[in-house]
Amino acid sequence: MNTTTAPAAATPQAIPKASFDWKPVLLLVGLMLAAVPAIGSASSWVTLTVAGLAMGLIIFVIASGLTLVFGLMDVLNFGHGVFIALGAFMATTVMGGMAVFADQGALQALLAIFCAMLVAMAVAGGVGLAFERVIVRPVYGLHLKQILITMGGMIVGEEIIKVIWGPLQIALPLPEPLRGAFLFGDAAIEKYRIVAALVGLAVFALLVWTLSRTKVGLLIRAGVQDREMVESLGYRIKRLFVGVFAAGSALAGLGGVMWGLYQQSVTPQMGAQVNVLIFIVIIIGGLGSTLGCFIGALLVGLLANYTGFLAPKVALFSNIGLMVAILLWRPQGLYPVTNR
C-alpha cells in the first residue's frame, strides 16, 4: 500500500513594514547645524532656532487643516484663509472681553488664550459646515471649479468680516504675563513662542493619533481608498467627510488665533496673505501628508529666521527658493501620499 505524505501547510508570510524615510528629518537637522557656523554666536543660534521652530509650528497649525481636507477629501480649498481670519477676529473679541482677567497672572493669561482658541475653533468649524454645504459640495471631484468657487467664497467671507468688525487693522496684544522672554545666558526665548510650540506639537500628535490609532481615522482612510465598500458596511462616509471639513476649518481658526497673537494685530485680508505660505508648505511636504506638512513648516520657519538674520533682503524669497530646491530633489514633496 502506497502512502503519500500530505504537503506541509504553507507558513503565512508577514507583510514587511515600510521603512521610515529619515532623509527629510536629516535635512531639517542639517539645516540647523549648517546655520551654526554661519551665525557664529551660539546664543544667537539658540534664539533664532527656537524662534524658527515656534514659527514653523504656528504655520503647521494653520496649514494642517488644509492638508487634512485635501489629503482625505481631495478638495482644493483656496478659501481656507477666510477661516484663519475669522478665528483671529474671534480672538480679538474674546481677548478684548477678558483683557483685565488675562493680565492678572500667567495662568489667567493662558486660560484667556485657551478660551479664545476654543471659541475660534467652534465658530470656524460651524462656518466650515455651511461653507462645505453651500460652496464645496456641488464641485466635489472638479479641481478647477473648486479653486475658482472657493476663492470667491473667501472674498465674500472677507467682506462679511469687514461688515462685522470693520475694514481696519485691529490690535491683538498679548496678555501682559506672556510678554517678554526667558533668558538662558545670552539667549532669549520669547514666552509666547513656547506656548505656540506646545500647542503646535499637541495638534500634530493629536492628528497622527486620530488618523492612525482610532476607528474614526481608520474609517476615513478606508473611505478615501474605497468609499463604496465602506458605505456597504453601513457607515455613512459622507458625514465623516463633512466632519473632516469642519475639523479642517476649526484648525484654521485655531491657527488664526496663534498667527494673530504672533503678529499682535489682525486684518480682514490676513487669511489671503497667509494662503501663499500655506500652499508652499503643503507642496514642500507632499500634498495631503500630515508628516510632510509638519517637516515642511519647520523648514520654512527655520529658513525664514536664519535668512532674516543673515541676509534680510533674501528672506522674502527664501520660502520660494526652498520649495524649488525640494521639488528638484523630490518632485512629489518630502512625504508624498499618492500620485496626484
C-alpha atoms as a PDB file:
ATOM      1  CA  MET A   1       0.000   0.000   0.000  1.00  0.00           C
ATOM      2  CA  ASN A   2       1.455   3.288  -1.128  1.00  0.00           C
ATOM      3  CA  THR A   3       1.330   6.104   1.342  1.00  0.00           C
ATOM      4  CA  THR A   4       1.710   9.702   0.349  1.00  0.00           C
ATOM      5  CA  THR A   5       2.762  12.408   2.636  1.00  0.00           C
ATOM      6  CA  ALA A   6       0.449  15.411   2.682  1.00  0.00           C
ATOM      7  CA  PRO A   7       2.240  18.601   1.794  1.00  0.00           C
ATOM      8  CA  ALA A   8       3.002  20.801   4.731  1.00  0.00           C
ATOM      9  CA  ALA A   9       0.784  23.822   5.111  1.00  0.00           C
ATOM     10  CA  ALA A  10       2.379  26.964   3.814  1.00  0.00           C
ATOM     11  CA  THR A  11       3.599  29.246   6.558  1.00  0.00           C
ATOM     12  CA  PRO A  12       1.983  32.657   6.241  1.00  0.00           C
ATOM     13  CA  GLN A  13       4.497  35.325   5.496  1.00  0.00           C
ATOM     14  CA  ALA A  14       4.347  38.512   7.475  1.00  0.00           C
ATOM     15  CA  ILE A  15       3.840  41.631   5.405  1.00  0.00           C
ATOM     16  CA  PRO A  16       7.033  43.655   5.650  1.00  0.00           C
ATOM     17  CA  LYS A  17       6.580  47.082   7.133  1.00  0.00           C
ATOM     18  CA  ALA A  18       7.661  50.028   5.071  1.00  0.00           C
ATOM     19  CA  SER A  19      10.816  51.572   6.456  1.00  0.00           C
ATOM     20  CA  PHE A  20      10.585  55.152   7.653  1.00  0.00           C
ATOM     21  CA  ASP A  21      12.218  57.717   5.398  1.00  0.00           C
ATOM     22  CA  TRP A  22      14.622  59.669   7.558  1.00  0.00           C
ATOM     23  CA  LYS A  23      16.060  61.883   4.801  1.00  0.00           C
ATOM     24  CA  PRO A  24      13.633  64.826   5.312  1.00  0.00           C
ATOM     25  CA  VAL A  25      14.288  64.717   9.076  1.00  0.00           C
ATOM     26  CA  LEU A  26      18.033  64.700   8.440  1.00  0.00           C
ATOM     27  CA  LEU A  27      17.544  67.646   6.085  1.00  0.00           C
ATOM     28  CA  LEU A  28      15.885  69.558   8.938  1.00  0.00           C
ATOM     29  CA  VAL A  29      18.730  68.701  11.331  1.00  0.00           C
ATOM     30  CA  GLY A  30      21.290  69.551   8.646  1.00  0.00           C
ATOM     31  CA  LEU A  31      19.759  72.987   8.151  1.00  0.00           C
ATOM     32  CA  MET A  32      20.051  73.716  11.865  1.00  0.00           C
ATOM     33  CA  LEU A  33      23.646  72.509  12.018  1.00  0.00           C
ATOM     34  CA  ALA A  34      24.644  74.396   8.867  1.00  0.00           C
ATOM     35  CA  ALA A  35      23.414  77.632  10.437  1.00  0.00           C
ATOM     36  CA  VAL A  36      25.785  77.330  13.410  1.00  0.00           C
ATOM     37  CA  PRO A  37      28.991  78.486  11.662  1.00  0.00           C
ATOM     38  CA  ALA A  38      27.079  80.994   9.516  1.00  0.00           C
ATOM     39  CA  ILE A  39      25.575  82.750  12.548  1.00  0.00           C
ATOM     40  CA  GLY A  40      28.725  82.482  14.637  1.00  0.00           C
ATOM     41  CA  SER A  41      27.258  83.193  18.068  1.00  0.00           C
ATOM     42  CA  ALA A  42      25.856  80.215  19.975  1.00  0.00           C
ATOM     43  CA  SER A  43      23.347  82.337  21.871  1.00  0.00           C
ATOM     44  CA  SER A  44      22.076  83.944  18.665  1.00  0.00           C
ATOM     45  CA  TRP A  45      21.763  80.499  17.077  1.00  0.00           C
ATOM     46  CA  VAL A  46      19.715  79.200  20.004  1.00  0.00           C
ATOM     47  CA  THR A  47      17.445  82.249  19.926  1.00  0.00           C
ATOM     48  CA  LEU A  48      16.900  82.033  16.152  1.00  0.00           C
ATOM     49  CA  THR A  49      16.427  78.264  16.165  1.00  0.00           C
ATOM     50  CA  VAL A  50      13.818  78.231  18.923  1.00  0.00           C
ATOM     51  CA  ALA A  51      12.027  81.180  17.325  1.00  0.00           C
ATOM     52  CA  GLY A  52      12.124  79.449  13.923  1.00  0.00           C
ATOM     53  CA  LEU A  53      10.784  76.175  15.274  1.00  0.00           C
ATOM     54  CA  ALA A  54       7.970  78.003  17.093  1.00  0.00           C
ATOM     55  CA  MET A  55       7.101  79.938  13.937  1.00  0.00           C
ATOM     56  CA  GLY A  56       7.148  76.693  11.971  1.00  0.00           C
ATOM     57  CA  LEU A  57       4.736  75.075  14.423  1.00  0.00           C
ATOM     58  CA  ILE A  58       2.351  78.026  14.105  1.00  0.00           C
ATOM     59  CA  ILE A  59       2.487  77.647  10.320  1.00  0.00           C
ATOM     60  CA  PHE A  60       1.861  73.915  10.702  1.00  0.00           C
ATOM     61  CA  VAL A  61      -1.318  74.514  12.697  1.00  0.00           C
ATOM     62  CA  ILE A  62      -2.527  76.950  10.034  1.00  0.00           C
ATOM     63  CA  ALA A  63      -1.711  74.559   7.191  1.00  0.00           C
ATOM     64  CA  SER A  64      -2.771  71.320   8.893  1.00  0.00           C
ATOM     65  CA  GLY A  65      -6.464  71.958   8.257  1.00  0.00           C
ATOM     66  CA  LEU A  66      -5.930  72.375   4.526  1.00  0.00           C
ATOM     67  CA  THR A  67      -3.645  69.324   4.453  1.00  0.00           C
ATOM     68  CA  LEU A  68      -6.311  67.289   6.228  1.00  0.00           C
ATOM     69  CA  VAL A  69      -9.069  68.371   3.838  1.00  0.00           C
ATOM     70  CA  PHE A  70      -7.033  67.795   0.699  1.00  0.00           C
ATOM     71  CA  GLY A  71      -5.412  64.568   1.855  1.00  0.00           C
ATOM     72  CA  LEU A  72      -8.674  62.912   2.921  1.00  0.00           C
ATOM     73  CA  MET A  73     -11.281  64.626   0.735  1.00  0.00           C
ATOM     74  CA  ASP A  74      -9.270  65.640  -2.363  1.00  0.00           C
ATOM     75  CA  VAL A  75     -10.666  69.183  -2.099  1.00  0.00           C
ATOM     76  CA  LEU A  76      -8.530  72.181  -3.085  1.00  0.00           C
ATOM     77  CA  ASN A  77      -9.949  74.755  -0.697  1.00  0.00           C
ATOM     78  CA  PHE A  78      -8.495  78.115  -1.702  1.00  0.00           C
ATOM     79  CA  GLY A  79     -10.981  79.684   0.704  1.00  0.00           C
ATOM     80  CA  HIS A  80      -9.046  78.282   3.666  1.00  0.00           C
ATOM     81  CA  GLY A  81      -7.796  81.770   4.506  1.00  0.00           C
ATOM     82  CA  VAL A  82     -11.228  83.062   5.475  1.00  0.00           C
ATOM     83  CA  PHE A  83     -11.336  80.631   8.426  1.00  0.00           C
ATOM     84  CA  ILE A  84      -7.906  81.869   9.524  1.00  0.00           C
ATOM     85  CA  ALA A  85      -9.094  85.461   9.508  1.00  0.00           C
ATOM     86  CA  LEU A  86     -12.364  84.509  11.213  1.00  0.00           C
ATOM     87  CA  GLY A  87     -10.511  82.751  14.024  1.00  0.00           C
ATOM     88  CA  ALA A  88      -8.204  85.732  14.508  1.00  0.00           C
ATOM     89  CA  PHE A  89     -11.089  88.210  14.705  1.00  0.00           C
ATOM     90  CA  MET A  90     -12.974  85.996  17.134  1.00  0.00           C
ATOM     91  CA  ALA A  91      -9.825  86.089  19.276  1.00  0.00           C
ATOM     92  CA  THR A  92      -9.917  89.906  19.305  1.00  0.00           C
ATOM     93  CA  THR A  93     -13.465  89.779  20.647  1.00  0.00           C
ATOM     94  CA  VAL A  94     -12.762  87.148  23.309  1.00  0.00           C
ATOM     95  CA  MET A  95      -9.406  88.546  24.396  1.00  0.00           C
ATOM     96  CA  GLY A  96     -10.854  92.064  24.486  1.00  0.00           C
ATOM     97  CA  GLY A  97     -13.570  90.912  26.874  1.00  0.00           C
ATOM     98  CA  MET A  98     -11.083  89.056  29.077  1.00  0.00           C
ATOM     99  CA  ALA A  99      -8.245  91.611  28.967  1.00  0.00           C
ATOM    100  CA  VAL A 100      -8.435  92.570  32.647  1.00  0.00           C
ATOM    101  CA  PHE A 101      -8.668  88.931  33.730  1.00  0.00           C
ATOM    102  CA  ALA A 102      -5.788  87.878  31.433  1.00  0.00           C
ATOM    103  CA  ASP A 103      -3.397  90.470  32.867  1.00  0.00           C
ATOM    104  CA  GLN A 104      -3.720  89.140  36.424  1.00  0.00           C
ATOM    105  CA  GLY A 105      -1.224  86.297  36.032  1.00  0.00           C
ATOM    106  CA  ALA A 106       0.293  83.694  33.746  1.00  0.00           C
ATOM    107  CA  LEU A 107      -2.390  81.098  34.483  1.00  0.00           C
ATOM    108  CA  GLN A 108      -5.168  83.589  33.751  1.00  0.00           C
ATOM    109  CA  ALA A 109      -3.432  84.639  30.532  1.00  0.00           C
ATOM    110  CA  LEU A 110      -3.185  81.032  29.352  1.00  0.00           C
ATOM    111  CA  LEU A 111      -6.816  80.448  30.270  1.00  0.00           C
ATOM    112  CA  ALA A 112      -7.900  83.511  28.268  1.00  0.00           C
ATOM    113  CA  ILE A 113      -5.942  82.341  25.218  1.00  0.00           C
ATOM    114  CA  PHE A 114      -7.374  78.844  25.603  1.00  0.00           C
ATOM    115  CA  CYS A 115     -10.919  80.266  25.674  1.00  0.00           C
ATOM    116  CA  ALA A 116     -10.172  82.351  22.592  1.00  0.00           C
ATOM    117  CA  MET A 117      -8.903  79.241  20.810  1.00  0.00           C
ATOM    118  CA  LEU A 118     -11.983  77.205  21.743  1.00  0.00           C
ATOM    119  CA  VAL A 119     -14.391  79.907  20.591  1.00  0.00           C
ATOM    120  CA  ALA A 120     -12.456  80.481  17.363  1.00  0.00           C
ATOM    121  CA  MET A 121     -12.411  76.754  16.578  1.00  0.00           C
ATOM    122  CA  ALA A 122     -16.136  76.385  17.313  1.00  0.00           C
ATOM    123  CA  VAL A 123     -17.123  79.351  15.133  1.00  0.00           C
ATOM    124  CA  ALA A 124     -14.732  78.456  12.288  1.00  0.00           C
ATOM    125  CA  GLY A 125     -15.891  74.822  12.384  1.00  0.00           C
ATOM    126  CA  GLY A 126     -19.550  75.879  12.254  1.00  0.00           C
ATOM    127  CA  VAL A 127     -18.946  78.265   9.353  1.00  0.00           C
ATOM    128  CA  GLY A 128     -16.947  75.481   7.683  1.00  0.00           C
ATOM    129  CA  LEU A 129     -20.027  73.241   7.756  1.00  0.00           C
ATOM    130  CA  ALA A 130     -22.039  75.891   5.908  1.00  0.00           C
ATOM    131  CA  PHE A 131     -19.134  76.529   3.523  1.00  0.00           C
ATOM    132  CA  GLU A 132     -18.940  72.829   2.647  1.00  0.00           C
ATOM    133  CA  ARG A 133     -22.692  72.517   2.165  1.00  0.00           C
ATOM    134  CA  VAL A 134     -23.204  75.602   0.009  1.00  0.00           C
ATOM    135  CA  ILE A 135     -19.911  76.068  -1.839  1.00  0.00           C
ATOM    136  CA  VAL A 136     -17.805  72.899  -1.839  1.00  0.00           C
ATOM    137  CA  ARG A 137     -20.345  70.079  -2.116  1.00  0.00           C
ATOM    138  CA  PRO A 138     -21.518  70.937  -5.677  1.00  0.00           C
ATOM    139  CA  VAL A 139     -17.939  70.775  -7.022  1.00  0.00           C
ATOM    140  CA  TYR A 140     -16.556  67.568  -5.492  1.00  0.00           C
ATOM    141  CA  GLY A 141     -14.097  65.975  -7.916  1.00  0.00           C
ATOM    142  CA  LEU A 142     -13.785  69.139 -10.033  1.00  0.00           C
ATOM    143  CA  HIS A 143     -10.482  70.733  -9.034  1.00  0.00           C
ATOM    144  CA  LEU A 144     -10.585  73.739 -11.347  1.00  0.00           C
ATOM    145  CA  LYS A 145     -14.077  74.682 -10.223  1.00  0.00           C
ATOM    146  CA  GLN A 146     -13.043  74.102  -6.597  1.00  0.00           C
ATOM    147  CA  ILE A 147     -10.242  76.653  -6.954  1.00  0.00           C
ATOM    148  CA  LEU A 148     -12.489  79.282  -8.530  1.00  0.00           C
ATOM    149  CA  ILE A 149     -15.526  78.893  -6.283  1.00  0.00           C
ATOM    150  CA  THR A 150     -13.590  78.640  -3.012  1.00  0.00           C
ATOM    151  CA  MET A 151     -11.567  81.757  -3.881  1.00  0.00           C
ATOM    152  CA  GLY A 152     -14.882  83.509  -4.489  1.00  0.00           C
ATOM    153  CA  GLY A 153     -16.118  82.233  -1.137  1.00  0.00           C
ATOM    154  CA  MET A 154     -13.045  83.678   0.564  1.00  0.00           C
ATOM    155  CA  ILE A 155     -13.642  87.101  -0.999  1.00  0.00           C
ATOM    156  CA  VAL A 156     -17.256  87.070   0.193  1.00  0.00           C
ATOM    157  CA  GLY A 157     -16.138  85.918   3.646  1.00  0.00           C
ATOM    158  CA  GLU A 158     -13.632  88.785   3.896  1.00  0.00           C
ATOM    159  CA  GLU A 159     -16.372  91.287   3.081  1.00  0.00           C
ATOM    160  CA  ILE A 160     -18.618  89.799   5.771  1.00  0.00           C
ATOM    161  CA  ILE A 161     -15.757  90.135   8.278  1.00  0.00           C
ATOM    162  CA  LYS A 162     -15.419  93.803   7.275  1.00  0.00           C
ATOM    163  CA  VAL A 163     -19.131  94.317   7.906  1.00  0.00           C
ATOM    164  CA  ILE A 164     -18.896  92.805  11.409  1.00  0.00           C
ATOM    165  CA  TRP A 165     -15.507  94.064  12.654  1.00  0.00           C
ATOM    166  CA  GLY A 166     -14.731  96.858  10.205  1.00  0.00           C
ATOM    167  CA  PRO A 167     -12.131  97.133   7.412  1.00  0.00           C
ATOM    168  CA  LEU A 168      -9.300  98.493   9.565  1.00  0.00           C
ATOM    169  CA  GLN A 169      -6.497  96.654  11.324  1.00  0.00           C
ATOM    170  CA  ILE A 170      -7.336  95.625  14.900  1.00  0.00           C
ATOM    171  CA  ALA A 171      -4.732  95.141  17.621  1.00  0.00           C
ATOM    172  CA  LEU A 172      -4.481  91.747  19.281  1.00  0.00           C
ATOM    173  CA  PRO A 173      -1.897  92.290  22.022  1.00  0.00           C
ATOM    174  CA  LEU A 174      -0.502  89.516  24.128  1.00  0.00           C
ATOM    175  CA  PRO A 175      -1.565  89.452  27.783  1.00  0.00           C
ATOM    176  CA  GLU A 176       0.998  91.167  29.977  1.00  0.00           C
ATOM    177  CA  PRO A 177       2.264  87.935  31.679  1.00  0.00           C
ATOM    178  CA  LEU A 178       3.143  86.410  28.263  1.00  0.00           C
ATOM    179  CA  ARG A 179       5.156  89.352  27.012  1.00  0.00           C
ATOM    180  CA  GLY A 180       8.908  89.339  27.164  1.00  0.00           C
ATOM    181  CA  ALA A 181      11.290  86.408  27.119  1.00  0.00           C
ATOM    182  CA  PHE A 182      13.108  83.916  29.289  1.00  0.00           C
ATOM    183  CA  LEU A 183      16.873  84.445  29.376  1.00  0.00           C
ATOM    184  CA  PHE A 184      19.243  81.475  29.240  1.00  0.00           C
ATOM    185  CA  GLY A 185      22.642  83.092  29.375  1.00  0.00           C
ATOM    186  CA  ASP A 186      22.703  85.396  26.363  1.00  0.00           C
ATOM    187  CA  ALA A 187      19.914  83.503  24.564  1.00  0.00           C
ATOM    188  CA  ALA A 188      16.394  84.921  24.746  1.00  0.00           C
ATOM    189  CA  ILE A 189      13.337  82.720  24.203  1.00  0.00           C
ATOM    190  CA  GLU A 190      10.013  84.524  23.968  1.00  0.00           C
ATOM    191  CA  LYS A 191       7.311  83.261  26.315  1.00  0.00           C
ATOM    192  CA  TYR A 192       4.588  83.203  23.683  1.00  0.00           C
ATOM    193  CA  ARG A 193       6.713  81.144  21.296  1.00  0.00           C
ATOM    194  CA  ILE A 194       6.975  78.424  23.923  1.00  0.00           C
ATOM    195  CA  VAL A 195       3.175  78.376  24.249  1.00  0.00           C
ATOM    196  CA  ALA A 196       2.785  78.301  20.458  1.00  0.00           C
ATOM    197  CA  ALA A 197       5.289  75.451  20.155  1.00  0.00           C
ATOM    198  CA  LEU A 198       3.462  73.360  22.742  1.00  0.00           C
ATOM    199  CA  VAL A 199       0.112  73.927  21.001  1.00  0.00           C
ATOM    200  CA  GLY A 200       1.619  73.010  17.635  1.00  0.00           C
ATOM    201  CA  LEU A 201       3.157  69.803  18.958  1.00  0.00           C
ATOM    202  CA  ALA A 202      -0.142  68.870  20.620  1.00  0.00           C
ATOM    203  CA  VAL A 203      -2.051  69.388  17.339  1.00  0.00           C
ATOM    204  CA  PHE A 204       0.464  67.264  15.424  1.00  0.00           C
ATOM    205  CA  ALA A 205       0.335  64.443  17.999  1.00  0.00           C
ATOM    206  CA  LEU A 206      -3.487  64.534  18.058  1.00  0.00           C
ATOM    207  CA  LEU A 207      -3.749  64.390  14.263  1.00  0.00           C
ATOM    208  CA  VAL A 208      -1.313  61.481  13.965  1.00  0.00           C
ATOM    209  CA  TRP A 209      -3.027  59.568  16.774  1.00  0.00           C
ATOM    210  CA  THR A 210      -6.525  60.167  15.392  1.00  0.00           C
ATOM    211  CA  LEU A 211      -5.688  59.140  11.838  1.00  0.00           C
ATOM    212  CA  SER A 212      -3.606  56.091  12.725  1.00  0.00           C
ATOM    213  CA  ARG A 213      -4.937  54.790  16.058  1.00  0.00           C
ATOM    214  CA  THR A 214      -8.680  55.417  16.177  1.00  0.00           C
ATOM    215  CA  LYS A 215     -11.672  53.826  14.484  1.00  0.00           C
ATOM    216  CA  VAL A 216     -12.747  57.157  13.037  1.00  0.00           C
ATOM    217  CA  GLY A 217      -9.338  57.623  11.437  1.00  0.00           C
ATOM    218  CA  LEU A 218      -9.440  54.082  10.059  1.00  0.00           C
ATOM    219  CA  LEU A 219     -12.898  54.650   8.544  1.00  0.00           C
ATOM    220  CA  ILE A 220     -11.860  57.938   6.998  1.00  0.00           C
ATOM    221  CA  ARG A 221      -8.735  56.442   5.434  1.00  0.00           C
ATOM    222  CA  ALA A 222     -10.707  53.426   4.233  1.00  0.00           C
ATOM    223  CA  GLY A 223     -13.336  55.756   2.771  1.00  0.00           C
ATOM    224  CA  VAL A 224     -10.666  57.556   0.791  1.00  0.00           C
ATOM    225  CA  GLN A 225      -9.486  54.264  -0.697  1.00  0.00           C
ATOM    226  CA  ASP A 226     -12.883  52.639  -1.395  1.00  0.00           C
ATOM    227  CA  ARG A 227     -15.892  54.740  -0.493  1.00  0.00           C
ATOM    228  CA  GLU A 228     -18.489  52.288  -1.855  1.00  0.00           C
ATOM    229  CA  MET A 229     -17.121  49.389   0.186  1.00  0.00           C
ATOM    230  CA  VAL A 230     -17.208  51.397   3.424  1.00  0.00           C
ATOM    231  CA  GLU A 231     -20.763  52.536   2.723  1.00  0.00           C
ATOM    232  CA  SER A 232     -21.816  48.954   2.004  1.00  0.00           C
ATOM    233  CA  LEU A 233     -20.709  48.072   5.538  1.00  0.00           C
ATOM    234  CA  GLY A 234     -23.272  50.525   6.898  1.00  0.00           C
ATOM    235  CA  TYR A 235     -21.067  53.538   7.621  1.00  0.00           C
ATOM    236  CA  ARG A 236     -22.147  56.987   6.448  1.00  0.00           C
ATOM    237  CA  ILE A 237     -18.884  58.108   4.947  1.00  0.00           C
ATOM    238  CA  LYS A 238     -20.404  61.374   3.706  1.00  0.00           C
ATOM    239  CA  ARG A 239     -20.974  62.513   7.297  1.00  0.00           C
ATOM    240  CA  LEU A 240     -17.404  61.594   8.180  1.00  0.00           C
ATOM    241  CA  PHE A 241     -16.082  63.662   5.299  1.00  0.00           C
ATOM    242  CA  VAL A 242     -18.242  66.632   6.323  1.00  0.00           C
ATOM    243  CA  GLY A 243     -16.774  66.244   9.811  1.00  0.00           C
ATOM    244  CA  VAL A 244     -13.274  66.262   8.315  1.00  0.00           C
ATOM    245  CA  PHE A 245     -14.009  69.548   6.539  1.00  0.00           C
ATOM    246  CA  ALA A 246     -15.365  71.072   9.757  1.00  0.00           C
ATOM    247  CA  ALA A 247     -12.268  69.864  11.645  1.00  0.00           C
ATOM    248  CA  GLY A 248     -10.001  71.384   8.998  1.00  0.00           C
ATOM    249  CA  SER A 249     -11.861  74.690   9.273  1.00  0.00           C
ATOM    250  CA  ALA A 250     -11.601  74.582  13.077  1.00  0.00           C
ATOM    251  CA  LEU A 251      -7.832  74.036  12.829  1.00  0.00           C
ATOM    252  CA  ALA A 252      -7.631  77.045  10.529  1.00  0.00           C
ATOM    253  CA  GLY A 253      -9.471  79.083  13.172  1.00  0.00           C
ATOM    254  CA  LEU A 254      -7.010  77.878  15.812  1.00  0.00           C
ATOM    255  CA  GLY A 255      -4.114  78.808  13.540  1.00  0.00           C
ATOM    256  CA  GLY A 256      -5.660  82.240  13.027  1.00  0.00           C
ATOM    257  CA  VAL A 257      -5.622  82.869  16.785  1.00  0.00           C
ATOM    258  CA  MET A 258      -1.988  81.815  17.018  1.00  0.00           C
ATOM    259  CA  TRP A 259      -0.929  83.853  13.976  1.00  0.00           C
ATOM    260  CA  GLY A 260      -2.853  86.910  15.173  1.00  0.00           C
ATOM    261  CA  LEU A 261      -1.190  86.770  18.586  1.00  0.00           C
ATOM    262  CA  TYR A 262       2.169  86.267  16.855  1.00  0.00           C
ATOM    263  CA  GLN A 263       1.616  89.381  14.702  1.00  0.00           C
ATOM    264  CA  GLN A 264      -0.283  91.152  17.568  1.00  0.00           C
ATOM    265  CA  SER A 265      -2.713  92.553  15.005  1.00  0.00           C
ATOM    266  CA  VAL A 266      -5.333  91.236  12.579  1.00  0.00           C
ATOM    267  CA  THR A 267      -6.771  92.409   9.245  1.00  0.00           C
ATOM    268  CA  PRO A 268      -9.581  91.003   7.082  1.00  0.00           C
ATOM    269  CA  GLN A 269      -7.004  90.196   4.368  1.00  0.00           C
ATOM    270  CA  MET A 270      -4.661  88.249   6.653  1.00  0.00           C
ATOM    271  CA  GLY A 271      -6.031  84.875   5.528  1.00  0.00           C
ATOM    272  CA  ALA A 272      -5.383  85.612   1.867  1.00  0.00           C
ATOM    273  CA  GLN A 273      -1.875  86.822   2.731  1.00  0.00           C
ATOM    274  CA  VAL A 274      -1.066  83.635   4.640  1.00  0.00           C
ATOM    275  CA  ASN A 275      -2.587  81.400   1.919  1.00  0.00           C
ATOM    276  CA  VAL A 276       0.551  81.611  -0.220  1.00  0.00           C
ATOM    277  CA  LEU A 277       2.716  80.461   2.686  1.00  0.00           C
ATOM    278  CA  ILE A 278       0.298  77.617   3.420  1.00  0.00           C
ATOM    279  CA  PHE A 279       0.442  76.246  -0.105  1.00  0.00           C
ATOM    280  CA  ILE A 280       4.230  76.480  -0.148  1.00  0.00           C
ATOM    281  CA  VAL A 281       4.323  74.346   2.999  1.00  0.00           C
ATOM    282  CA  ILE A 282       1.944  71.647   1.762  1.00  0.00           C
ATOM    283  CA  ILE A 283       3.697  71.479  -1.623  1.00  0.00           C
ATOM    284  CA  ILE A 284       7.049  71.055   0.122  1.00  0.00           C
ATOM    285  CA  GLY A 285       5.681  68.376   2.452  1.00  0.00           C
ATOM    286  CA  GLY A 286       3.716  66.458  -0.171  1.00  0.00           C
ATOM    287  CA  LEU A 287       0.068  67.110  -0.938  1.00  0.00           C
ATOM    288  CA  GLY A 288      -2.094  65.616   1.795  1.00  0.00           C
ATOM    289  CA  SER A 289       0.758  64.448   4.047  1.00  0.00           C
ATOM    290  CA  THR A 290       0.453  65.443   7.713  1.00  0.00           C
ATOM    291  CA  LEU A 291       4.056  64.484   8.498  1.00  0.00           C
ATOM    292  CA  GLY A 292       5.275  66.227   5.350  1.00  0.00           C
ATOM    293  CA  CYS A 293       3.342  69.364   6.325  1.00  0.00           C
ATOM    294  CA  PHE A 294       4.953  69.222   9.783  1.00  0.00           C
ATOM    295  CA  ILE A 295       8.529  68.910   8.478  1.00  0.00           C
ATOM    296  CA  GLY A 296       7.887  71.427   5.694  1.00  0.00           C
ATOM    297  CA  ALA A 297       6.536  74.025   8.133  1.00  0.00           C
ATOM    298  CA  LEU A 298       9.570  73.625  10.398  1.00  0.00           C
ATOM    299  CA  LEU A 299      11.916  74.031   7.408  1.00  0.00           C
ATOM    300  CA  VAL A 300      10.099  77.183   6.307  1.00  0.00           C
ATOM    301  CA  GLY A 301      10.116  78.666   9.810  1.00  0.00           C
ATOM    302  CA  LEU A 302      13.805  77.977  10.397  1.00  0.00           C
ATOM    303  CA  LEU A 303      14.948  79.212   6.991  1.00  0.00           C
ATOM    304  CA  ALA A 304      12.911  82.416   7.327  1.00  0.00           C
ATOM    305  CA  ASN A 305      14.561  83.207  10.676  1.00  0.00           C
ATOM    306  CA  TYR A 306      18.074  82.300   9.582  1.00  0.00           C
ATOM    307  CA  THR A 307      17.926  84.279   6.334  1.00  0.00           C
ATOM    308  CA  GLY A 308      16.195  87.178   8.075  1.00  0.00           C
ATOM    309  CA  PHE A 309      19.202  87.408  10.399  1.00  0.00           C
ATOM    310  CA  LEU A 310      21.947  86.741   7.848  1.00  0.00           C
ATOM    311  CA  ALA A 311      20.508  88.381   4.705  1.00  0.00           C
ATOM    312  CA  PRO A 312      17.247  90.266   5.335  1.00  0.00           C
ATOM    313  CA  LYS A 313      16.697  91.063   1.641  1.00  0.00           C
ATOM    314  CA  VAL A 314      16.830  87.343   0.791  1.00  0.00           C
ATOM    315  CA  ALA A 315      14.298  86.382   3.462  1.00  0.00           C
ATOM    316  CA  LEU A 316      11.333  87.363   1.285  1.00  0.00           C
ATOM    317  CA  PHE A 317      12.338  84.804  -1.350  1.00  0.00           C
ATOM    318  CA  SER A 318      13.726  82.097   0.913  1.00  0.00           C
ATOM    319  CA  ASN A 319      10.477  80.092   1.079  1.00  0.00           C
ATOM    320  CA  ILE A 320      10.087  80.002  -2.697  1.00  0.00           C
ATOM    321  CA  GLY A 321      13.741  79.054  -3.091  1.00  0.00           C
ATOM    322  CA  LEU A 322      13.300  76.251  -0.564  1.00  0.00           C
ATOM    323  CA  MET A 323      10.228  74.966  -2.410  1.00  0.00           C
ATOM    324  CA  VAL A 324      12.074  74.936  -5.743  1.00  0.00           C
ATOM    325  CA  ALA A 325      15.049  73.099  -4.226  1.00  0.00           C
ATOM    326  CA  ILE A 326      12.807  70.483  -2.558  1.00  0.00           C
ATOM    327  CA  LEU A 327      10.819  69.879  -5.749  1.00  0.00           C
ATOM    328  CA  LEU A 328      14.007  69.463  -7.772  1.00  0.00           C
ATOM    329  CA  TRP A 329      15.067  66.809  -5.250  1.00  0.00           C
ATOM    330  CA  ARG A 330      11.638  65.222  -4.751  1.00  0.00           C
ATOM    331  CA  PRO A 331       9.047  66.396  -7.285  1.00  0.00           C
ATOM    332  CA  GLN A 332       6.170  64.975  -5.204  1.00  0.00           C
ATOM    333  CA  GLY A 333       7.297  66.535  -1.928  1.00  0.00           C
ATOM    334  CA  LEU A 334       9.061  65.204   1.139  1.00  0.00           C
ATOM    335  CA  TYR A 335       6.454  62.592   2.062  1.00  0.00           C
ATOM    336  CA  PRO A 336       4.155  62.042  -0.948  1.00  0.00           C
ATOM    337  CA  VAL A 337       0.867  60.307  -0.097  1.00  0.00           C
ATOM    338  CA  THR A 338      -0.169  59.338  -3.586  1.00  0.00           C
ATOM    339  CA  ASN A 339       0.276  60.291  -7.182  1.00  0.00           C
ATOM    340  CA  ARG A 340      -1.948  63.294  -7.712  1.00  0.00           C
END
